[in-house]
C-alpha cells in the first residue's frame, strides 16, 4: 500500500511540475494584472507598481517554463 501511495504522489508531483506549473504561473500573473487594473483609483501607486511587476514576472516565468 505504501509503494502504491508513494508512486501516486511521485507521479502527481511530476505531472504538476511538468504540465501544470506554467499554466498556474501564467494564469495567476494575468489575474494579478487584471485585478490591479480595476484597483487603480483605490490603492497607492507603489503597491500597484509592485503588483504589476509581480504579474509580469509570473507571466514571463510561465512562458519560459512552457517553452521547455
C-alpha atoms as a PDB file:
ATOM      1  CA  UNK A   1       0.000   0.000   0.000  1.00  0.00           C
ATOM      2  CA  UNK A   2       2.813   2.392   0.854  1.00  0.00           C
ATOM      3  CA  UNK A   3       4.510   1.767  -2.504  1.00  0.00           C
ATOM      4  CA  UNK A   4       1.298   2.494  -4.365  1.00  0.00           C
ATOM      5  CA  UNK A   5       0.787   5.720  -2.402  1.00  0.00           C
ATOM      6  CA  UNK A   6       4.408   6.745  -2.932  1.00  0.00           C
ATOM      7  CA  UNK A   7       4.114   6.054  -6.660  1.00  0.00           C
ATOM      8  CA  UNK A   8       0.920   8.101  -6.862  1.00  0.00           C
ATOM      9  CA  UNK A   9       2.456  11.053  -5.035  1.00  0.00           C
ATOM     10  CA  UNK A  10       5.581  10.999  -7.194  1.00  0.00           C
ATOM     11  CA  UNK A  11       3.506  10.739 -10.379  1.00  0.00           C
ATOM     12  CA  UNK A  12       1.260  13.592  -9.265  1.00  0.00           C
ATOM     13  CA  UNK A  13       4.159  15.885  -8.377  1.00  0.00           C
ATOM     14  CA  UNK A  14       5.939  15.064 -11.628  1.00  0.00           C
ATOM     15  CA  UNK A  15       2.810  15.851 -13.630  1.00  0.00           C
ATOM     16  CA  UNK A  16       2.225  19.028 -11.616  1.00  0.00           C
ATOM     17  CA  UNK A  17       5.701  20.421 -12.139  1.00  0.00           C
ATOM     18  CA  UNK A  18       5.919  19.453 -15.812  1.00  0.00           C
ATOM     19  CA  UNK A  19       2.399  20.151 -17.095  1.00  0.00           C
ATOM     20  CA  UNK A  20       0.500  22.466 -14.774  1.00  0.00           C
ATOM     21  CA  UNK A  21       3.006  24.784 -13.137  1.00  0.00           C
ATOM     22  CA  UNK A  22       3.462  27.044 -16.148  1.00  0.00           C
ATOM     23  CA  UNK A  23      -0.312  27.339 -16.523  1.00  0.00           C
ATOM     24  CA  UNK A  24      -0.610  28.328 -12.871  1.00  0.00           C
ATOM     25  CA  UNK A  25       2.096  30.987 -13.260  1.00  0.00           C
ATOM     26  CA  UNK A  26       0.592  32.448 -16.438  1.00  0.00           C
ATOM     27  CA  UNK A  27      -2.962  32.448 -15.089  1.00  0.00           C
ATOM     28  CA  UNK A  28      -2.008  33.974 -11.732  1.00  0.00           C
ATOM     29  CA  UNK A  29       0.037  36.673 -13.474  1.00  0.00           C
ATOM     30  CA  UNK A  30      -2.842  37.567 -15.777  1.00  0.00           C
ATOM     31  CA  UNK A  31      -5.327  37.640 -12.900  1.00  0.00           C
ATOM     32  CA  UNK A  32      -2.999  39.877 -10.892  1.00  0.00           C
ATOM     33  CA  UNK A  33      -2.634  42.339 -13.774  1.00  0.00           C
ATOM     34  CA  UNK A  34      -6.392  42.444 -14.435  1.00  0.00           C
ATOM     35  CA  UNK A  35      -7.256  42.940 -10.756  1.00  0.00           C
ATOM     36  CA  UNK A  36      -4.711  45.747 -10.452  1.00  0.00           C
ATOM     37  CA  UNK A  37      -6.198  47.458 -13.487  1.00  0.00           C
ATOM     38  CA  UNK A  38      -9.501  47.801 -11.635  1.00  0.00           C
ATOM     39  CA  UNK A  39      -7.815  48.930  -8.392  1.00  0.00           C
ATOM     40  CA  UNK A  40      -6.006  51.939  -9.902  1.00  0.00           C
ATOM     41  CA  UNK A  41      -8.093  54.550  -8.080  1.00  0.00           C
ATOM     42  CA  UNK A  42      -8.164  52.738  -4.719  1.00  0.00           C
ATOM     43  CA  UNK A  43      -4.623  51.522  -3.989  1.00  0.00           C
ATOM     44  CA  UNK A  44      -1.403  53.520  -3.680  1.00  0.00           C
ATOM     45  CA  UNK A  45       0.909  53.750  -6.684  1.00  0.00           C
ATOM     46  CA  UNK A  46       3.788  51.876  -5.023  1.00  0.00           C
ATOM     47  CA  UNK A  47       1.646  48.833  -4.346  1.00  0.00           C
ATOM     48  CA  UNK A  48       0.248  48.874  -7.869  1.00  0.00           C
ATOM     49  CA  UNK A  49       3.704  49.079  -9.437  1.00  0.00           C
ATOM     50  CA  UNK A  50       4.907  46.148  -7.352  1.00  0.00           C
ATOM     51  CA  UNK A  51       1.856  44.084  -8.225  1.00  0.00           C
ATOM     52  CA  UNK A  52       2.210  44.833 -11.940  1.00  0.00           C
ATOM     53  CA  UNK A  53       5.876  43.836 -11.763  1.00  0.00           C
ATOM     54  CA  UNK A  54       4.985  40.607  -9.937  1.00  0.00           C
ATOM     55  CA  UNK A  55       2.319  39.847 -12.553  1.00  0.00           C
ATOM     56  CA  UNK A  56       4.765  40.352 -15.403  1.00  0.00           C
ATOM     57  CA  UNK A  57       7.409  38.202 -13.703  1.00  0.00           C
ATOM     58  CA  UNK A  58       4.876  35.398 -13.223  1.00  0.00           C
ATOM     59  CA  UNK A  59       3.768  35.612 -16.849  1.00  0.00           C
ATOM     60  CA  UNK A  60       7.343  35.586 -18.151  1.00  0.00           C
ATOM     61  CA  UNK A  61       8.278  32.701 -15.845  1.00  0.00           C
ATOM     62  CA  UNK A  62       5.256  30.768 -17.076  1.00  0.00           C
ATOM     63  CA  UNK A  63       6.221  31.303 -20.711  1.00  0.00           C
ATOM     64  CA  UNK A  64       9.815  30.267 -20.026  1.00  0.00           C
ATOM     65  CA  UNK A  65       8.646  27.062 -18.350  1.00  0.00           C
ATOM     66  CA  UNK A  66       6.153  26.417 -21.148  1.00  0.00           C
ATOM     67  CA  UNK A  67       8.873  26.612 -23.823  1.00  0.00           C
ATOM     68  CA  UNK A  68      10.658  23.680 -22.234  1.00  0.00           C
END
